Amino acid sequence: MTVDLPMSANPGAEHWRALLIDAAMAAYEQAGLSGLCHEGRWECALAALRRTPLPSVQPDDPS
């Protein structure tokens, strides 16, 4: 399932937000198919968020 998000000033950030939401939703659904309750499904979704690799982002240089 893909999540449609409104476009913001930072399309790269929206890409990563959608990736994280998709990972969490997929983990939640898979956990449900495995018979876990809501709390167990939520824990699986959080674990998916924690293990999803993100790019290294450097803060903007104020100078």
PDB file of N, CA and C in Angstrom:
ATOM      1  N   MET A   1       0.837  -1.164   0.000  1.00  0.00           N
ATOM      2  CA  MET A   1       0.000   0.000   0.000  1.00  0.00           C
ATOM      3  C   MET A   1       0.889   1.236   0.000  1.00  0.00           C
ATOM      4  N   THR A   2       0.614   2.184  -0.839  1.00  0.00           N
ATOM      5  CA  THR A   2       1.367   3.415  -0.926  1.00  0.00           C
ATOM      6  C   THR A   2       0.556   4.551  -0.324  1.00  0.00           C
ATOM      7  N   VAL A   3       1.225   5.423   0.388  1.00  0.00           N
ATOM      8  CA  VAL A   3       0.576   6.547   1.043  1.00  0.00           C
ATOM      9  C   VAL A   3       0.739   7.781   0.182  1.00  0.00           C
ATOM     10  N   ASP A   4      -0.355   8.479  -0.107  1.00  0.00           N
ATOM     11  CA  ASP A   4      -0.301   9.738  -0.839  1.00  0.00           C
ATOM     12  C   ASP A   4      -0.214  10.868   0.168  1.00  0.00           C
ATOM     13  N   LEU A   5       0.847  11.654   0.070  1.00  0.00           N
ATOM     14  CA  LEU A   5       1.052  12.771   0.979  1.00  0.00           C
ATOM     15  C   LEU A   5       1.054  14.074   0.203  1.00  0.00           C
ATOM     16  N   PRO A   6       0.630  15.161   0.834  1.00  0.00           N
ATOM     17  CA  PRO A   6       0.691  16.454   0.153  1.00  0.00           C
ATOM     18  C   PRO A   6       2.144  16.848  -0.084  1.00  0.00           C
ATOM     19  N   MET A   7       2.384  17.528  -1.164  1.00  0.00           N
ATOM     20  CA  MET A   7       3.735  17.983  -1.486  1.00  0.00           C
ATOM     21  C   MET A   7       4.117  19.121  -0.556  1.00  0.00           C
ATOM     22  N   SER A   8       5.356  19.146  -0.123  1.00  0.00           N
ATOM     23  CA  SER A   8       5.841  20.221   0.728  1.00  0.00           C
ATOM     24  C   SER A   8       7.005  20.898   0.027  1.00  0.00           C
ATOM     25  N   ALA A   9       7.613  21.799   0.727  1.00  0.00           N
ATOM     26  CA  ALA A   9       8.766  22.510   0.173  1.00  0.00           C
ATOM     27  C   ALA A   9       9.964  21.583   0.042  1.00  0.00           C
ATOM     28  N   ASN A  10       9.918  20.419   0.665  1.00  0.00           N
ATOM     29  CA  ASN A  10      11.031  19.490   0.618  1.00  0.00           C
ATOM     30  C   ASN A  10      10.559  18.126   0.116  1.00  0.00           C
ATOM     31  N   PRO A  11      10.535  17.929  -1.205  1.00  0.00           N
ATOM     32  CA  PRO A  11      10.045  16.647  -1.734  1.00  0.00           C
ATOM     33  C   PRO A  11      10.898  15.456  -1.300  1.00  0.00           C
ATOM     34  N   GLY A  12      12.175  15.655  -1.028  1.00  0.00           N
ATOM     35  CA  GLY A  12      13.012  14.562  -0.550  1.00  0.00           C
ATOM     36  C   GLY A  12      12.547  14.057   0.801  1.00  0.00           C
ATOM     37  N   ALA A  13      12.175  14.976   1.682  1.00  0.00           N
ATOM     38  CA  ALA A  13      11.669  14.594   2.997  1.00  0.00           C
ATOM     39  C   ALA A  13      10.348  13.856   2.864  1.00  0.00           C
ATOM     40  N   GLU A  14       9.513  14.284   1.941  1.00  0.00           N
ATOM     41  CA  GLU A  14       8.222  13.609   1.732  1.00  0.00           C
ATOM     42  C   GLU A  14       8.436  12.181   1.234  1.00  0.00           C
ATOM     43  N   HIS A  15       9.455  11.980   0.422  1.00  0.00           N
ATOM     44  CA  HIS A  15       9.777  10.628  -0.049  1.00  0.00           C
ATOM     45  C   HIS A  15      10.105   9.728   1.142  1.00  0.00           C
ATOM     46  N   TRP A  16      10.964  10.214   2.050  1.00  0.00           N
ATOM     47  CA  TRP A  16      11.364   9.412   3.193  1.00  0.00           C
ATOM     48  C   TRP A  16      10.220   9.209   4.172  1.00  0.00           C
ATOM     49  N   ARG A  17       9.369  10.222   4.323  1.00  0.00           N
ATOM     50  CA  ARG A  17       8.194  10.075   5.195  1.00  0.00           C
ATOM     51  C   ARG A  17       7.289   8.966   4.646  1.00  0.00           C
ATOM     52  N   ALA A  18       7.053   8.976   3.350  1.00  0.00           N
ATOM     53  CA  ALA A  18       6.209   7.954   2.727  1.00  0.00           C
ATOM     54  C   ALA A  18       6.839   6.566   2.877  1.00  0.00           C
ATOM     55  N   LEU A  19       8.152   6.490   2.737  1.00  0.00           N
ATOM     56  CA  LEU A  19       8.853   5.211   2.902  1.00  0.00           C
ATOM     57  C   LEU A  19       8.652   4.664   4.313  1.00  0.00           C
ATOM     58  N   LEU A  20       8.779   5.525   5.308  1.00  0.00           N
ATOM     59  CA  LEU A  20       8.601   5.093   6.696  1.00  0.00           C
ATOM     60  C   LEU A  20       7.157   4.670   6.974  1.00  0.00           C
ATOM     61  N   ILE A  21       6.218   5.426   6.460  1.00  0.00           N
ATOM     62  CA  ILE A  21       4.804   5.075   6.662  1.00  0.00           C
ATOM     63  C   ILE A  21       4.490   3.750   5.989  1.00  0.00           C
ATOM     64  N   ASP A  22       4.980   3.549   4.779  1.00  0.00           N
ATOM     65  CA  ASP A  22       4.757   2.283   4.074  1.00  0.00           C
ATOM     66  C   ASP A  22       5.353   1.114   4.846  1.00  0.00           C
ATOM     67  N   ALA A  23       6.566   1.299   5.398  1.00  0.00           N
ATOM     68  CA  ALA A  23       7.217   0.223   6.162  1.00  0.00           C
ATOM     69  C   ALA A  23       6.404  -0.115   7.406  1.00  0.00           C
ATOM     70  N   ALA A  24       5.930   0.911   8.106  1.00  0.00           N
ATOM     71  CA  ALA A  24       5.141   0.677   9.314  1.00  0.00           C
ATOM     72  C   ALA A  24       3.820  -0.011   8.990  1.00  0.00           C
ATOM     73  N   MET A  25       3.152   0.439   7.949  1.00  0.00           N
ATOM     74  CA  MET A  25       1.869  -0.159   7.579  1.00  0.00           C
ATOM     75  C   MET A  25       2.035  -1.607   7.149  1.00  0.00           C
ATOM     76  N   ALA A  26       3.077  -1.888   6.381  1.00  0.00           N
ATOM     77  CA  ALA A  26       3.312  -3.266   5.933  1.00  0.00           C
ATOM     78  C   ALA A  26       3.597  -4.174   7.127  1.00  0.00           C
ATOM     79  N   ALA A  27       4.408  -3.693   8.071  1.00  0.00           N
ATOM     80  CA  ALA A  27       4.714  -4.497   9.256  1.00  0.00           C
ATOM     81  C   ALA A  27       3.462  -4.726  10.104  1.00  0.00           C
ATOM     82  N   TYR A  28       2.634  -3.693  10.245  1.00  0.00           N
ATOM     83  CA  TYR A  28       1.399  -3.805  11.023  1.00  0.00           C
ATOM     84  C   TYR A  28       0.465  -4.839  10.400  1.00  0.00           C
ATOM     85  N   GLU A  29       0.317  -4.781   9.078  1.00  0.00           N
ATOM     86  CA  GLU A  29      -0.558  -5.741   8.383  1.00  0.00           C
ATOM     87  C   GLU A  29      -0.012  -7.161   8.484  1.00  0.00           C
ATOM     88  N   GLN A  30       1.299  -7.331   8.289  1.00  0.00           N
ATOM     89  CA  GLN A  30       1.896  -8.663   8.363  1.00  0.00           C
ATOM     90  C   GLN A  30       1.743  -9.248   9.766  1.00  0.00           C
ATOM     91  N   ALA A  31       1.913  -8.406  10.770  1.00  0.00           N
ATOM     92  CA  ALA A  31       1.750  -8.878  12.144  1.00  0.00           C
ATOM     93  C   ALA A  31       0.312  -9.312  12.399  1.00  0.00           C
ATOM     94  N   GLY A  32      -0.638  -8.607  11.809  1.00  0.00           N
ATOM     95  CA  GLY A  32      -2.039  -9.004  11.949  1.00  0.00           C
ATOM     96  C   GLY A  32      -2.313 -10.348  11.297  1.00  0.00           C
ATOM     97  N   LEU A  33      -1.713 -10.563  10.139  1.00  0.00           N
ATOM     98  CA  LEU A  33      -1.873 -11.852   9.464  1.00  0.00           C
ATOM     99  C   LEU A  33      -1.244 -12.985  10.269  1.00  0.00           C
ATOM    100  N   SER A  34      -0.256 -12.638  11.091  1.00  0.00           N
ATOM    101  CA  SER A  34       0.391 -13.634  11.944  1.00  0.00           C
ATOM    102  C   SER A  34      -0.388 -13.880  13.222  1.00  0.00           C
ATOM    103  N   GLY A  35      -1.478 -13.125  13.432  1.00  0.00           N
ATOM    104  CA  GLY A  35      -2.336 -13.359  14.583  1.00  0.00           C
ATOM    105  C   GLY A  35      -2.044 -12.493  15.792  1.00  0.00           C
ATOM    106  N   LEU A  36      -1.200 -11.487  15.638  1.00  0.00           N
ATOM    107  CA  LEU A  36      -0.904 -10.638  16.781  1.00  0.00           C
ATOM    108  C   LEU A  36      -2.049  -9.675  17.061  1.00  0.00           C
ATOM    109  N   CYS A  37      -2.171  -9.296  18.330  1.00  0.00           N
ATOM    110  CA  CYS A  37      -3.182  -8.316  18.733  1.00  0.00           C
ATOM    111  C   CYS A  37      -2.708  -6.914  18.325  1.00  0.00           C
ATOM    112  N   HIS A  38      -3.548  -5.913  18.596  1.00  0.00           N
ATOM    113  CA  HIS A  38      -3.207  -4.548  18.217  1.00  0.00           C
ATOM    114  C   HIS A  38      -1.869  -4.107  18.815  1.00  0.00           C
ATOM    115  N   GLU A  39      -1.642  -4.385  20.082  1.00  0.00           N
ATOM    116  CA  GLU A  39      -0.397  -3.971  20.725  1.00  0.00           C
ATOM    117  C   GLU A  39       0.812  -4.638  20.083  1.00  0.00           C
ATOM    118  N   GLY A  40       0.691  -5.910  19.776  1.00  0.00           N
ATOM    119  CA  GLY A  40       1.780  -6.615  19.112  1.00  0.00           C
ATOM    120  C   GLY A  40       2.029  -6.085  17.711  1.00  0.00           C
ATOM    121  N   ARG A  41       0.936  -5.775  17.023  1.00  0.00           N
ATOM    122  CA  ARG A  41       1.061  -5.208  15.674  1.00  0.00           C
ATOM    123  C   ARG A  41       1.756  -3.853  15.729  1.00  0.00           C
ATOM    124  N   TRP A  42       1.383  -3.043  16.728  1.00  0.00           N
ATOM    125  CA  TRP A  42       1.994  -1.721  16.887  1.00  0.00           C
ATOM    126  C   TRP A  42       3.496  -1.855  17.175  1.00  0.00           C
ATOM    127  N   GLU A  43       3.875  -2.813  18.021  1.00  0.00           N
ATOM    128  CA  GLU A  43       5.293  -3.043  18.308  1.00  0.00           C
ATOM    129  C   GLU A  43       6.052  -3.437  17.039  1.00  0.00           C
ATOM    130  N   CYS A  44       5.443  -4.237  16.195  1.00  0.00           N
ATOM    131  CA  CYS A  44       6.082  -4.617  14.929  1.00  0.00           C
ATOM    132  C   CYS A  44       6.233  -3.406  14.014  1.00  0.00           C
ATOM    133  N   ALA A  45       5.235  -2.534  13.996  1.00  0.00           N
ATOM    134  CA  ALA A  45       5.310  -1.327  13.175  1.00  0.00           C
ATOM    135  C   ALA A  45       6.443  -0.423  13.666  1.00  0.00           C
ATOM    136  N   LEU A  46       6.560  -0.262  14.975  1.00  0.00           N
ATOM    137  CA  LEU A  46       7.649   0.551  15.523  1.00  0.00           C
ATOM    138  C   LEU A  46       9.008  -0.058  15.202  1.00  0.00           C
ATOM    139  N   ALA A  47       9.113  -1.372  15.284  1.00  0.00           N
ATOM    140  CA  ALA A  47      10.369  -2.039  14.955  1.00  0.00           C
ATOM    141  C   ALA A  47      10.736  -1.803  13.490  1.00  0.00           C
ATOM    142  N   ALA A  48       9.737  -1.806  12.624  1.00  0.00           N
ATOM    143  CA  ALA A  48      10.005  -1.544  11.204  1.00  0.00           C
ATOM    144  C   ALA A  48      10.523  -0.124  11.007  1.00  0.00           C
ATOM    145  N   LEU A  49       9.970   0.831  11.741  1.00  0.00           N
ATOM    146  CA  LEU A  49      10.455   2.209  11.654  1.00  0.00           C
ATOM    147  C   LEU A  49      11.900   2.302  12.126  1.00  0.00           C
ATOM    148  N   ARG A  50      12.206   1.600  13.189  1.00  0.00           N
ATOM    149  CA  ARG A  50      13.564   1.659  13.744  1.00  0.00           C
ATOM    150  C   ARG A  50      14.605   1.028  12.822  1.00  0.00           C
ATOM    151  N   ARG A  51      14.224   0.021  12.062  1.00  0.00           N
ATOM    152  CA  ARG A  51      15.213  -0.661  11.226  1.00  0.00           C
ATOM    153  C   ARG A  51      15.253  -0.152   9.782  1.00  0.00           C
ATOM    154  N   THR A  52      14.361   0.762   9.417  1.00  0.00           N
ATOM    155  CA  THR A  52      14.378   1.309   8.061  1.00  0.00           C
ATOM    156  C   THR A  52      15.569   2.248   7.921  1.00  0.00           C
ATOM    157  N   PRO A  53      16.454   1.968   6.974  1.00  0.00           N
ATOM    158  CA  PRO A  53      17.635   2.819   6.808  1.00  0.00           C
ATOM    159  C   PRO A  53      17.259   4.189   6.247  1.00  0.00           C
ATOM    160  N   LEU A  54      17.879   5.219   6.798  1.00  0.00           N
ATOM    161  CA  LEU A  54      17.661   6.584   6.337  1.00  0.00           C
ATOM    162  C   LEU A  54      18.987   7.154   5.840  1.00  0.00           C
ATOM    163  N   PRO A  55      18.919   8.129   4.941  1.00  0.00           N
ATOM    164  CA  PRO A  55      20.163   8.726   4.459  1.00  0.00           C
ATOM    165  C   PRO A  55      20.786   9.601   5.545  1.00  0.00           C
ATOM    166  N   SER A  56      22.067   9.768   5.452  1.00  0.00           N
ATOM    167  CA  SER A  56      22.749  10.677   6.363  1.00  0.00           C
ATOM    168  C   SER A  56      22.474  12.097   5.893  1.00  0.00           C
ATOM    169  N   VAL A  57      21.955  12.912   6.804  1.00  0.00           N
ATOM    170  CA  VAL A  57      21.600  14.288   6.463  1.00  0.00           C
ATOM    171  C   VAL A  57      22.451  15.225   7.290  1.00  0.00           C
ATOM    172  N   GLN A  58      23.107  16.145   6.629  1.00  0.00           N
ATOM    173  CA  GLN A  58      23.908  17.140   7.316  1.00  0.00           C
ATOM    174  C   GLN A  58      23.086  18.419   7.461  1.00  0.00           C
ATOM    175  N   PRO A  59      23.123  19.059   8.633  1.00  0.00           N
ATOM    176  CA  PRO A  59      22.391  20.317   8.800  1.00  0.00           C
ATOM    177  C   PRO A  59      22.960  21.394   7.874  1.00  0.00           C
ATOM    178  N   ASP A  60      22.109  22.324   7.512  1.00  0.00           N
ATOM    179  CA  ASP A  60      22.562  23.424   6.659  1.00  0.00           C
ATOM    180  C   ASP A  60      23.631  24.225   7.376  1.00  0.00           C
ATOM    181  N   ASP A  61      24.640  24.657   6.620  1.00  0.00           N
ATOM    182  CA  ASP A  61      25.715  25.460   7.174  1.00  0.00           C
ATOM    183  C   ASP A  61      25.239  26.908   7.270  1.00  0.00           C
ATOM    184  N   PRO A  62      25.177  27.480   8.495  1.00  0.00           N
ATOM    185  CA  PRO A  62      24.647  28.837   8.640  1.00  0.00           C
ATOM    186  C   PRO A  62      25.568  29.926   8.089  1.00  0.00           C
ATOM    187  N   SER A  63      26.815  29.598   7.733  1.00  0.00           N
ATOM    188  CA  SER A  63      27.728  30.636   7.264  1.00  0.00           C
ATOM    189  C   SER A  63      27.556  30.997   5.820  1.00  0.00           C
TER     190      SER A  63
END
